[in-house]
Amino acid sequence: MMIELSERTISRINALFPVEQRKEVEDLLKIECGDNIPFCDNSDQYGMERIRFAVLKLSAGKMDKLVQAIELAQIDWRDLFMAAGFGMDVDAHNKWVP
């Protein structure tokens, strides 16, 4: 089952990506960055925000970087958090607004 995107996630997608890429970004996050991430199979759209925000932050609005960040999340989201600057503060993702 796919984990939907929260409104806050959609807001960050809209801030980072041009209109013509937003649907693809949303689909990638739902399909590739959801319940298939280790230990996230019982998460909901809000529980996935920290991982998805980290992926979006590392993407810097570029599709190739988004894919790389998703691949990192699929391997070990702890490394993703550190790379995005979310590793030392569990609320850091809430403070990040692109």
N, C-alpha and C. Protein backbone atom coordinates (compact mmCIF):
# COMPACT_ATOMS: atom_id res chain seq x y z
N MET A 1 0.84 -1.19 0.00
CA MET A 1 0.00 0.00 0.00
C MET A 1 0.88 1.25 0.00
N MET A 2 0.55 2.19 -0.85
CA MET A 2 1.32 3.43 -0.95
C MET A 2 0.97 4.37 0.21
N ILE A 3 1.99 5.06 0.69
CA ILE A 3 1.78 6.07 1.72
C ILE A 3 1.61 7.41 1.01
N GLU A 4 0.47 8.03 1.22
CA GLU A 4 0.17 9.31 0.58
C GLU A 4 1.12 10.40 1.07
N LEU A 5 1.07 11.55 0.45
CA LEU A 5 1.90 12.69 0.82
C LEU A 5 1.11 13.64 1.71
N SER A 6 1.76 14.17 2.71
CA SER A 6 1.12 15.17 3.57
C SER A 6 1.07 16.51 2.82
N GLU A 7 0.24 17.39 3.30
CA GLU A 7 0.15 18.73 2.70
C GLU A 7 1.49 19.46 2.82
N ARG A 8 2.18 19.26 3.93
CA ARG A 8 3.49 19.91 4.12
C ARG A 8 4.51 19.38 3.12
N THR A 9 4.43 18.10 2.79
CA THR A 9 5.33 17.53 1.79
C THR A 9 5.02 18.13 0.42
N ILE A 10 3.76 18.20 0.08
CA ILE A 10 3.35 18.77 -1.21
C ILE A 10 3.79 20.23 -1.31
N SER A 11 3.68 20.96 -0.22
CA SER A 11 4.10 22.36 -0.20
C SER A 11 5.59 22.50 -0.51
N ARG A 12 6.40 21.61 0.03
CA ARG A 12 7.84 21.65 -0.23
C ARG A 12 8.16 21.23 -1.67
N ILE A 13 7.43 20.26 -2.18
CA ILE A 13 7.59 19.88 -3.60
C ILE A 13 7.30 21.08 -4.48
N ASN A 14 6.21 21.78 -4.20
CA ASN A 14 5.81 22.94 -5.00
C ASN A 14 6.84 24.07 -4.93
N ALA A 15 7.51 24.19 -3.80
CA ALA A 15 8.53 25.23 -3.65
C ALA A 15 9.81 24.89 -4.41
N LEU A 16 10.10 23.60 -4.56
CA LEU A 16 11.37 23.18 -5.14
C LEU A 16 11.33 22.86 -6.64
N PHE A 17 10.22 22.33 -7.10
CA PHE A 17 10.17 21.80 -8.47
C PHE A 17 9.21 22.59 -9.35
N PRO A 18 9.54 22.70 -10.63
CA PRO A 18 8.63 23.37 -11.56
C PRO A 18 7.35 22.54 -11.74
N VAL A 19 6.30 23.21 -12.12
CA VAL A 19 4.98 22.59 -12.26
C VAL A 19 5.02 21.30 -13.08
N GLU A 20 5.76 21.31 -14.16
CA GLU A 20 5.77 20.15 -15.05
C GLU A 20 6.45 18.92 -14.45
N GLN A 21 7.16 19.06 -13.35
CA GLN A 21 7.84 17.92 -12.71
C GLN A 21 7.15 17.46 -11.43
N ARG A 22 6.22 18.22 -10.94
CA ARG A 22 5.65 17.95 -9.62
C ARG A 22 4.94 16.61 -9.53
N LYS A 23 4.18 16.24 -10.53
CA LYS A 23 3.48 14.95 -10.51
C LYS A 23 4.48 13.80 -10.45
N GLU A 24 5.54 13.89 -11.23
CA GLU A 24 6.58 12.85 -11.22
C GLU A 24 7.26 12.76 -9.86
N VAL A 25 7.53 13.91 -9.25
CA VAL A 25 8.14 13.93 -7.92
C VAL A 25 7.19 13.30 -6.90
N GLU A 26 5.93 13.67 -6.95
CA GLU A 26 4.94 13.09 -6.03
C GLU A 26 4.88 11.58 -6.19
N ASP A 27 4.83 11.12 -7.42
CA ASP A 27 4.77 9.67 -7.68
C ASP A 27 6.03 8.96 -7.17
N LEU A 28 7.19 9.55 -7.41
CA LEU A 28 8.43 8.95 -6.91
C LEU A 28 8.42 8.83 -5.39
N LEU A 29 7.97 9.88 -4.72
CA LEU A 29 7.94 9.83 -3.26
C LEU A 29 6.94 8.80 -2.75
N LYS A 30 5.79 8.70 -3.38
CA LYS A 30 4.79 7.71 -2.95
C LYS A 30 5.26 6.28 -3.21
N ILE A 31 5.84 6.05 -4.36
CA ILE A 31 6.19 4.69 -4.78
C ILE A 31 7.55 4.25 -4.24
N GLU A 32 8.54 5.11 -4.35
CA GLU A 32 9.93 4.74 -4.02
C GLU A 32 10.38 5.19 -2.63
N CYS A 33 9.61 6.05 -2.00
CA CYS A 33 10.01 6.59 -0.69
C CYS A 33 8.81 6.52 0.25
N GLY A 34 8.39 5.28 0.48
CA GLY A 34 7.21 5.05 1.32
C GLY A 34 7.40 3.83 2.18
N ASP A 35 6.45 2.91 2.09
CA ASP A 35 6.49 1.73 2.95
C ASP A 35 7.60 0.75 2.57
N ASN A 36 8.32 1.04 1.48
CA ASN A 36 9.47 0.21 1.11
C ASN A 36 10.77 0.67 1.78
N ILE A 37 10.74 1.77 2.49
CA ILE A 37 11.91 2.24 3.23
C ILE A 37 12.02 1.39 4.50
N PRO A 38 13.23 0.93 4.84
CA PRO A 38 13.38 0.08 6.02
C PRO A 38 12.75 0.67 7.28
N PHE A 39 11.96 -0.16 7.96
CA PHE A 39 11.29 0.17 9.22
C PHE A 39 10.17 1.20 9.08
N CYS A 40 9.70 1.44 7.87
CA CYS A 40 8.64 2.43 7.66
C CYS A 40 7.33 1.81 7.18
N ASP A 41 7.24 0.50 7.23
CA ASP A 41 6.07 -0.17 6.69
C ASP A 41 4.78 0.14 7.46
N ASN A 42 4.89 0.64 8.68
CA ASN A 42 3.70 1.01 9.46
C ASN A 42 3.54 2.52 9.60
N SER A 43 4.28 3.27 8.82
CA SER A 43 4.22 4.74 8.90
C SER A 43 3.05 5.29 8.09
N ASP A 44 2.66 6.50 8.44
CA ASP A 44 1.65 7.20 7.65
C ASP A 44 2.30 8.41 6.99
N GLN A 45 1.51 9.22 6.31
CA GLN A 45 2.04 10.37 5.57
C GLN A 45 2.78 11.35 6.47
N TYR A 46 2.40 11.43 7.73
CA TYR A 46 3.06 12.35 8.65
C TYR A 46 4.34 11.74 9.22
N GLY A 47 4.31 10.44 9.45
CA GLY A 47 5.49 9.74 9.93
C GLY A 47 6.61 9.69 8.91
N MET A 48 6.25 9.86 7.64
CA MET A 48 7.25 9.84 6.56
C MET A 48 7.84 11.21 6.28
N GLU A 49 7.34 12.25 6.91
CA GLU A 49 7.79 13.61 6.59
C GLU A 49 9.29 13.80 6.79
N ARG A 50 9.84 13.29 7.86
CA ARG A 50 11.28 13.52 8.11
C ARG A 50 12.12 12.93 6.98
N ILE A 51 11.79 11.73 6.54
CA ILE A 51 12.53 11.10 5.45
C ILE A 51 12.27 11.84 4.14
N ARG A 52 11.03 12.13 3.85
CA ARG A 52 10.70 12.79 2.59
C ARG A 52 11.24 14.21 2.53
N PHE A 53 11.22 14.93 3.65
CA PHE A 53 11.79 16.28 3.66
C PHE A 53 13.30 16.22 3.42
N ALA A 54 13.96 15.23 4.03
CA ALA A 54 15.40 15.08 3.83
C ALA A 54 15.71 14.80 2.37
N VAL A 55 14.92 13.93 1.76
CA VAL A 55 15.09 13.61 0.33
C VAL A 55 14.91 14.88 -0.50
N LEU A 56 13.87 15.62 -0.20
CA LEU A 56 13.60 16.85 -0.96
C LEU A 56 14.69 17.89 -0.75
N LYS A 57 15.17 18.02 0.48
CA LYS A 57 16.24 18.99 0.75
C LYS A 57 17.49 18.64 -0.05
N LEU A 58 17.87 17.39 -0.04
CA LEU A 58 19.07 16.97 -0.77
C LEU A 58 18.89 17.09 -2.28
N SER A 59 17.66 17.03 -2.74
CA SER A 59 17.42 17.13 -4.18
C SER A 59 17.74 18.51 -4.73
N ALA A 60 17.57 19.54 -3.91
CA ALA A 60 17.77 20.93 -4.34
C ALA A 60 16.98 21.24 -5.60
N GLY A 61 15.84 20.57 -5.76
CA GLY A 61 14.98 20.82 -6.91
C GLY A 61 15.44 20.17 -8.20
N LYS A 62 16.33 19.21 -8.13
CA LYS A 62 16.86 18.52 -9.32
C LYS A 62 16.43 17.05 -9.29
N MET A 63 15.88 16.57 -10.40
CA MET A 63 15.38 15.20 -10.46
C MET A 63 16.47 14.16 -10.22
N ASP A 64 17.65 14.36 -10.79
CA ASP A 64 18.71 13.37 -10.61
C ASP A 64 19.14 13.28 -9.15
N LYS A 65 19.20 14.42 -8.48
CA LYS A 65 19.56 14.42 -7.06
C LYS A 65 18.44 13.82 -6.21
N LEU A 66 17.20 14.02 -6.63
CA LEU A 66 16.07 13.42 -5.93
C LEU A 66 16.18 11.90 -5.96
N VAL A 67 16.45 11.36 -7.13
CA VAL A 67 16.59 9.91 -7.28
C VAL A 67 17.74 9.39 -6.41
N GLN A 68 18.85 10.09 -6.40
CA GLN A 68 20.00 9.68 -5.56
C GLN A 68 19.63 9.70 -4.08
N ALA A 69 18.91 10.73 -3.66
CA ALA A 69 18.52 10.84 -2.26
C ALA A 69 17.54 9.73 -1.88
N ILE A 70 16.63 9.41 -2.76
CA ILE A 70 15.70 8.31 -2.50
C ILE A 70 16.46 6.99 -2.38
N GLU A 71 17.43 6.79 -3.25
CA GLU A 71 18.24 5.57 -3.18
C GLU A 71 18.97 5.48 -1.84
N LEU A 72 19.48 6.60 -1.35
CA LEU A 72 20.13 6.63 -0.04
C LEU A 72 19.13 6.28 1.06
N ALA A 73 17.94 6.82 0.99
CA ALA A 73 16.90 6.52 1.98
C ALA A 73 16.56 5.04 1.99
N GLN A 74 16.55 4.42 0.81
CA GLN A 74 16.23 3.00 0.72
C GLN A 74 17.33 2.12 1.33
N ILE A 75 18.55 2.62 1.33
CA ILE A 75 19.67 1.87 1.90
C ILE A 75 19.75 2.09 3.41
N ASP A 76 19.81 3.36 3.83
CA ASP A 76 19.93 3.68 5.25
C ASP A 76 19.51 5.13 5.48
N TRP A 77 18.31 5.32 6.01
CA TRP A 77 17.81 6.69 6.18
C TRP A 77 18.58 7.47 7.24
N ARG A 78 19.36 6.78 8.07
CA ARG A 78 20.19 7.52 9.05
C ARG A 78 21.26 8.33 8.33
N ASP A 79 21.85 7.74 7.29
CA ASP A 79 22.83 8.48 6.48
C ASP A 79 22.15 9.64 5.75
N LEU A 80 20.93 9.42 5.32
CA LEU A 80 20.14 10.48 4.67
C LEU A 80 19.94 11.65 5.62
N PHE A 81 19.56 11.35 6.86
CA PHE A 81 19.35 12.42 7.85
C PHE A 81 20.62 13.21 8.09
N MET A 82 21.73 12.52 8.20
CA MET A 82 23.00 13.22 8.44
C MET A 82 23.35 14.11 7.25
N ALA A 83 23.18 13.59 6.04
CA ALA A 83 23.51 14.36 4.84
C ALA A 83 22.63 15.60 4.71
N ALA A 84 21.38 15.50 5.15
CA ALA A 84 20.44 16.62 5.05
C ALA A 84 20.53 17.58 6.23
N GLY A 85 21.32 17.22 7.25
CA GLY A 85 21.42 18.07 8.43
C GLY A 85 20.29 17.83 9.42
N PHE A 86 19.61 16.68 9.29
CA PHE A 86 18.49 16.34 10.19
C PHE A 86 18.88 15.29 11.22
N GLY A 87 20.14 14.91 11.25
CA GLY A 87 20.56 13.78 12.08
C GLY A 87 20.71 14.05 13.55
N MET A 88 20.95 15.28 13.92
CA MET A 88 21.22 15.59 15.32
C MET A 88 20.02 16.18 16.07
N ASP A 89 18.96 16.45 15.35
CA ASP A 89 17.78 17.07 15.94
C ASP A 89 16.54 16.46 15.28
N VAL A 90 15.73 15.75 16.07
CA VAL A 90 14.57 15.07 15.50
C VAL A 90 13.51 16.04 14.97
N ASP A 91 13.62 17.31 15.29
CA ASP A 91 12.68 18.31 14.79
C ASP A 91 13.27 19.20 13.70
N ALA A 92 14.50 18.92 13.29
CA ALA A 92 15.15 19.77 12.28
C ALA A 92 14.36 19.84 10.99
N HIS A 93 13.73 18.74 10.60
CA HIS A 93 12.95 18.74 9.36
C HIS A 93 11.76 19.70 9.43
N ASN A 94 11.23 19.90 10.63
CA ASN A 94 10.09 20.82 10.79
C ASN A 94 10.52 22.28 10.61
N LYS A 95 11.80 22.55 10.81
CA LYS A 95 12.31 23.91 10.68
C LYS A 95 12.76 24.24 9.27
N TRP A 96 12.89 23.20 8.43
CA TRP A 96 13.37 23.40 7.05
C TRP A 96 12.21 23.74 6.13
N VAL A 97 12.34 24.89 5.50
CA VAL A 97 11.38 25.32 4.50
C VAL A 97 12.18 25.83 3.30
N PRO A 98 12.00 25.20 2.14
CA PRO A 98 12.78 25.64 0.97
C PRO A 98 12.36 27.01 0.47
